[in-house]
Amino acid sequence: MIHPAVKCHIPAIRDLCREFGVARLEIFGSAVTGAFDPDRSDVDFVVTYPAGYDMGPWASRYQELQERLADVVQREVDLALSGVPRNRFFARELDRTRRLVYDADNPETISPDVPLSGPPNIHQRTLKLLEDIRLWCADVIDIMPGNTATASREDRLLHDAIAMACMRVGRGCLRLVDADRATASRCDPDNLSRMIQLADDLAYGSGVEFGTDELLRMAQTTIPSLQSSVEMLISELEE
C-alpha cells in the first residue's frame, strides 16, 4: 500500500508526469513498505523517460521534476533514473518494493496495494537512513570510471550522473543528522559534512562550478571512507 500521506497526492503527481513528458513513474522504498515516518521520511521515485528525451542543460529538467515532486508531496524526494546501472543493494530494494504511479500508455493505472507493517521506531529509522546512504555511496563508486585521469570537464553525461549520485548521498547525510545526531557524529563526521556541503552546492549553486574531474576527486576522497563507516554502524545496529 502506498502510504496515505503520499497516495493523496497521486492526481497531482500524474499531472506533473504529463507536464514533463514522463513515460513511467514508480514509487519504491519506505513509502510502500510500512517503514514510512510521516514526520521524517522522504519519498523515493524512479522515472523512465521516452527515447530521445531532452533533459536540458546539466539535466535541469530532471532536477526540476525532482523539485516539483518534492513540492507536491511536501517532503524531500529522491528521484532515480530507470536504466542507470545500480549496485545490487539498490536493485534488490527497487525490485522488491516498486509500485507503478504513472504510465503514459495507461495513465489511470496504479499498482495494487500491498499490506503495510506497523510504524517504524527510532532505531528502524536510523537503520533505514544508513542503508540508504550505503546504497547511494555504492552508486557513486559504480559510476566512477576505472581511470579517473581520463575524465574531463567536457564529460557531460558522466558529470551529471556523478553529480546526481553525490547529491543523493549528501541529502541522505543531512537527513541522518536531522534524525539522529548522536549516530551521525559517529559516522565519519568530516566526510559526512563534506557531502552535505557538496550536495548543497550542486543543488543550489554557490558561485562554484564543478568539472567532472573535480567531482571525481571529491568522490574518491570521501565516498569510500564514508561508506565503510556507514557499513560498520549498520552492523552494530543489526546486532
Protein backbone atom coordinates (compact mmCIF):
# COMPACT_ATOMS: atom_id res chain seq x y z
CA MET A 1 0.00 0.00 0.00
CA ILE A 2 1.29 3.44 -0.85
CA HIS A 3 1.23 5.45 2.36
CA PRO A 4 -1.82 7.75 2.60
CA ALA A 5 0.45 10.79 3.10
CA VAL A 6 1.74 10.19 -0.43
CA LYS A 7 -1.22 8.49 -2.08
CA CYS A 8 -3.42 11.56 -1.63
CA HIS A 9 -1.07 13.44 -3.98
CA ILE A 10 -1.16 10.92 -6.84
CA PRO A 11 -3.50 13.00 -9.08
CA ALA A 12 -1.09 15.97 -8.83
CA ILE A 13 1.91 13.67 -9.36
CA ARG A 14 0.31 12.32 -12.55
CA ASP A 15 -0.30 15.87 -13.75
CA LEU A 16 3.42 16.55 -13.29
CA CYS A 17 4.30 13.42 -15.24
CA ARG A 18 2.19 14.63 -18.15
CA GLU A 19 3.66 18.13 -17.92
CA PHE A 20 7.23 16.80 -18.04
CA GLY A 21 6.56 14.17 -20.71
CA VAL A 22 7.47 11.25 -18.43
CA ALA A 23 6.94 7.76 -19.84
CA ARG A 24 6.66 5.99 -16.48
CA LEU A 25 6.98 6.85 -12.78
CA GLU A 26 7.21 4.33 -9.96
CA ILE A 27 7.45 4.71 -6.21
CA PHE A 28 9.53 2.42 -4.01
CA GLY A 29 11.15 2.19 -0.59
CA SER A 30 9.67 3.15 2.76
CA ALA A 31 6.53 4.77 1.31
CA VAL A 32 5.30 1.32 0.26
CA THR A 33 6.83 -0.95 2.92
CA GLY A 34 5.43 0.37 6.18
CA ALA A 35 8.73 1.94 7.29
CA PHE A 36 7.42 5.38 6.33
CA ASP A 37 7.51 8.06 9.02
CA PRO A 38 5.24 11.00 8.09
CA ASP A 39 7.39 13.36 10.17
CA ARG A 40 10.79 12.43 8.73
CA SER A 41 10.68 10.13 5.72
CA ASP A 42 11.45 11.18 2.19
CA VAL A 43 9.81 9.63 -0.89
CA ASP A 44 11.70 7.53 -3.43
CA PHE A 45 10.67 7.52 -7.09
CA VAL A 46 12.19 6.02 -10.22
CA VAL A 47 11.45 7.74 -13.51
CA THR A 48 11.55 6.41 -17.06
CA TYR A 49 11.83 8.94 -19.89
CA PRO A 50 10.87 8.26 -23.52
CA ALA A 51 13.66 7.63 -26.02
CA GLY A 52 15.37 10.85 -27.11
CA TYR A 53 14.07 12.86 -24.15
CA ASP A 54 15.81 16.24 -23.77
CA MET A 55 16.75 16.77 -20.11
CA GLY A 56 18.04 20.26 -20.79
CA PRO A 57 21.44 21.69 -19.86
CA TRP A 58 23.06 19.92 -16.90
CA ALA A 59 19.95 17.72 -16.55
CA SER A 60 17.93 20.76 -15.49
CA ARG A 61 14.60 19.18 -16.46
CA TYR A 62 15.37 16.15 -14.31
CA GLN A 63 16.26 18.34 -11.34
CA GLU A 64 13.17 20.49 -11.86
CA LEU A 65 10.94 17.40 -11.85
CA GLN A 66 12.55 16.26 -8.59
CA GLU A 67 11.95 19.66 -7.01
CA ARG A 68 8.35 19.84 -8.26
CA LEU A 69 7.63 16.35 -6.91
CA ALA A 70 9.00 17.45 -3.53
CA ASP A 71 6.68 20.48 -3.62
CA VAL A 72 3.70 18.23 -4.34
CA VAL A 73 4.35 15.62 -1.65
CA GLN A 74 5.62 18.30 0.78
CA ARG A 75 8.79 16.43 1.72
CA GLU A 76 12.22 15.51 0.33
CA VAL A 77 12.21 13.40 -2.83
CA ASP A 78 14.90 11.11 -4.22
CA LEU A 79 14.39 10.58 -7.94
CA ALA A 80 16.33 7.71 -9.56
CA LEU A 81 16.71 7.24 -13.29
CA SER A 82 15.46 3.98 -14.74
CA GLY A 83 18.06 2.09 -16.72
CA VAL A 84 21.05 3.66 -14.97
CA PRO A 85 23.33 0.90 -13.64
CA ARG A 86 22.82 0.37 -9.91
CA ASN A 87 24.52 -1.61 -7.19
CA ARG A 88 22.93 -4.87 -6.12
CA PHE A 89 21.51 -3.48 -2.85
CA PHE A 90 19.64 -0.70 -4.64
CA ALA A 91 18.42 -3.06 -7.36
CA ARG A 92 17.11 -5.51 -4.78
CA GLU A 93 15.21 -2.81 -2.87
CA LEU A 94 13.78 -1.39 -6.09
CA ASP A 95 12.62 -4.75 -7.43
CA ARG A 96 11.15 -5.74 -4.07
CA THR A 97 9.09 -2.61 -3.42
CA ARG A 98 8.42 -0.74 -6.69
CA ARG A 99 4.81 0.28 -7.37
CA LEU A 100 3.51 1.96 -10.51
CA VAL A 101 2.24 5.53 -10.13
CA TYR A 102 2.04 6.71 -13.75
CA ASP A 103 2.29 5.08 -17.17
CA ALA A 104 1.86 7.31 -20.22
CA ASP A 105 0.39 4.40 -22.19
CA ASN A 106 -2.13 3.66 -19.41
CA PRO A 107 -2.37 6.94 -17.49
CA GLU A 108 -5.00 5.83 -14.97
CA THR A 109 -3.23 2.61 -13.96
CA ILE A 110 -1.75 2.21 -10.48
CA SER A 111 -0.23 -0.84 -8.84
CA PRO A 112 -2.50 -2.73 -6.43
CA ASP A 113 -1.91 -2.01 -2.77
CA VAL A 114 0.02 -4.38 -0.53
CA PRO A 115 -0.31 -4.61 3.28
CA LEU A 116 1.73 -2.29 5.44
CA SER A 117 3.50 -3.24 8.63
CA GLY A 118 3.47 -1.04 11.72
CA PRO A 119 5.15 2.37 12.10
CA PRO A 120 8.94 2.44 12.50
CA ASN A 121 10.74 3.20 15.74
CA ILE A 122 13.78 5.48 16.04
CA HIS A 123 16.19 2.55 15.68
CA GLN A 124 14.48 1.43 12.45
CA ARG A 125 14.50 4.95 11.02
CA THR A 126 18.22 5.37 11.69
CA LEU A 127 18.99 1.97 10.19
CA LYS A 128 16.95 2.81 7.08
CA LEU A 129 18.77 6.13 6.65
CA LEU A 130 22.15 4.41 6.98
CA GLU A 131 21.14 1.74 4.47
CA ASP A 132 20.07 4.46 2.03
CA ILE A 133 23.43 6.23 2.38
CA ARG A 134 25.25 2.93 1.83
CA LEU A 135 23.27 2.29 -1.35
CA TRP A 136 23.93 5.76 -2.72
CA CYS A 137 27.65 5.58 -1.87
CA ALA A 138 27.79 2.32 -3.82
CA ASP A 139 26.06 4.10 -6.71
CA VAL A 140 28.81 6.74 -6.82
CA ILE A 141 31.52 4.09 -6.75
CA ASP A 142 29.79 2.11 -9.51
CA ILE A 143 29.62 5.22 -11.72
CA MET A 144 33.25 6.27 -11.29
CA PRO A 145 35.40 5.17 -14.23
CA GLY A 146 38.39 2.92 -13.65
CA ASN A 147 40.83 5.56 -14.88
CA THR A 148 39.72 8.89 -13.46
CA ALA A 149 42.68 10.63 -15.06
CA THR A 150 40.91 10.46 -18.41
CA ALA A 151 37.82 12.29 -17.15
CA SER A 152 37.45 15.91 -18.17
CA ARG A 153 35.13 18.85 -17.71
CA GLU A 154 33.55 18.00 -21.08
CA ASP A 155 32.25 14.59 -19.98
CA ARG A 156 28.69 15.87 -19.58
CA LEU A 157 26.92 12.54 -19.08
CA LEU A 158 29.47 11.31 -16.57
CA HIS A 159 29.39 14.66 -14.77
CA ASP A 160 25.60 14.62 -14.46
CA ALA A 161 25.50 11.01 -13.25
CA ILE A 162 28.13 11.61 -10.57
CA ALA A 163 26.58 14.92 -9.51
CA MET A 164 23.12 13.38 -9.05
CA ALA A 165 24.54 10.40 -7.15
CA CYS A 166 26.59 12.68 -4.87
CA MET A 167 23.53 14.85 -4.23
CA ARG A 168 21.61 11.79 -3.04
CA VAL A 169 24.46 10.88 -0.67
CA GLY A 170 24.65 14.42 0.70
CA ARG A 171 20.91 14.71 1.21
CA GLY A 172 20.88 11.33 2.93
CA CYS A 173 23.65 12.50 5.25
CA LEU A 174 21.68 15.63 6.10
CA ARG A 175 18.58 13.59 6.93
CA LEU A 176 20.69 11.36 9.19
CA VAL A 177 22.00 14.42 11.06
CA ASP A 178 18.46 15.77 11.47
CA ALA A 179 17.03 12.42 12.59
CA ASP A 180 19.79 11.05 14.84
CA ARG A 181 22.63 13.46 15.57
CA ALA A 182 24.30 11.06 18.00
CA THR A 183 24.65 8.34 15.37
CA ALA A 184 25.66 10.87 12.70
CA SER A 185 28.52 12.04 14.94
CA ARG A 186 29.97 8.51 14.78
CA CYS A 187 29.66 8.28 11.00
CA ASP A 188 32.88 9.76 9.60
CA PRO A 189 31.71 13.30 10.52
CA ASP A 190 34.27 15.17 8.37
CA ASN A 191 33.33 13.42 5.14
CA LEU A 192 29.65 13.45 6.08
CA SER A 193 29.85 17.25 6.37
CA ARG A 194 31.71 17.48 3.06
CA MET A 195 28.99 15.54 1.26
CA ILE A 196 26.25 17.69 2.78
CA GLN A 197 28.06 20.83 1.61
CA LEU A 198 28.69 19.36 -1.85
CA ALA A 199 25.01 18.44 -2.26
CA ASP A 200 24.02 21.96 -1.27
CA ASP A 201 26.50 23.50 -3.74
CA LEU A 202 25.31 21.24 -6.57
CA ALA A 203 21.62 21.76 -5.88
CA TYR A 204 21.50 25.47 -5.18
CA GLY A 205 24.77 26.85 -6.53
CA SER A 206 27.29 28.90 -4.63
CA GLY A 207 29.28 30.53 -7.36
CA VAL A 208 31.16 27.24 -7.72
CA GLU A 209 31.11 25.20 -10.92
CA PHE A 210 32.44 21.66 -10.57
CA GLY A 211 34.06 19.94 -13.51
CA THR A 212 33.90 16.18 -13.94
CA ASP A 213 37.48 15.74 -12.77
CA GLU A 214 36.79 17.81 -9.64
CA LEU A 215 33.70 15.78 -8.76
CA LEU A 216 35.62 12.56 -9.25
CA ARG A 217 38.40 13.70 -6.93
CA MET A 218 35.89 14.68 -4.26
CA ALA A 219 34.09 11.36 -4.59
CA GLN A 220 37.35 9.42 -4.42
CA THR A 221 38.48 11.16 -1.22
CA THR A 222 35.14 10.98 0.64
CA ILE A 223 32.82 8.21 -0.54
CA PRO A 224 34.83 5.02 0.23
CA SER A 225 35.62 6.13 3.78
CA LEU A 226 32.03 7.28 4.39
CA GLN A 227 30.64 4.01 3.01
CA SER A 228 32.95 1.96 5.24
CA SER A 229 31.87 3.93 8.32
CA VAL A 230 28.20 3.52 7.44
CA GLU A 231 28.59 -0.23 6.98
CA MET A 232 30.21 -0.57 10.42
CA LEU A 233 27.34 1.34 12.03
CA ILE A 234 24.77 -0.81 10.23
CA SER A 235 26.49 -3.96 11.54
CA GLU A 236 26.39 -2.56 15.08
CA LEU A 237 22.70 -1.64 14.86
CA GLU A 238 21.76 -5.01 13.39
CA GLU A 239 23.39 -6.98 16.22
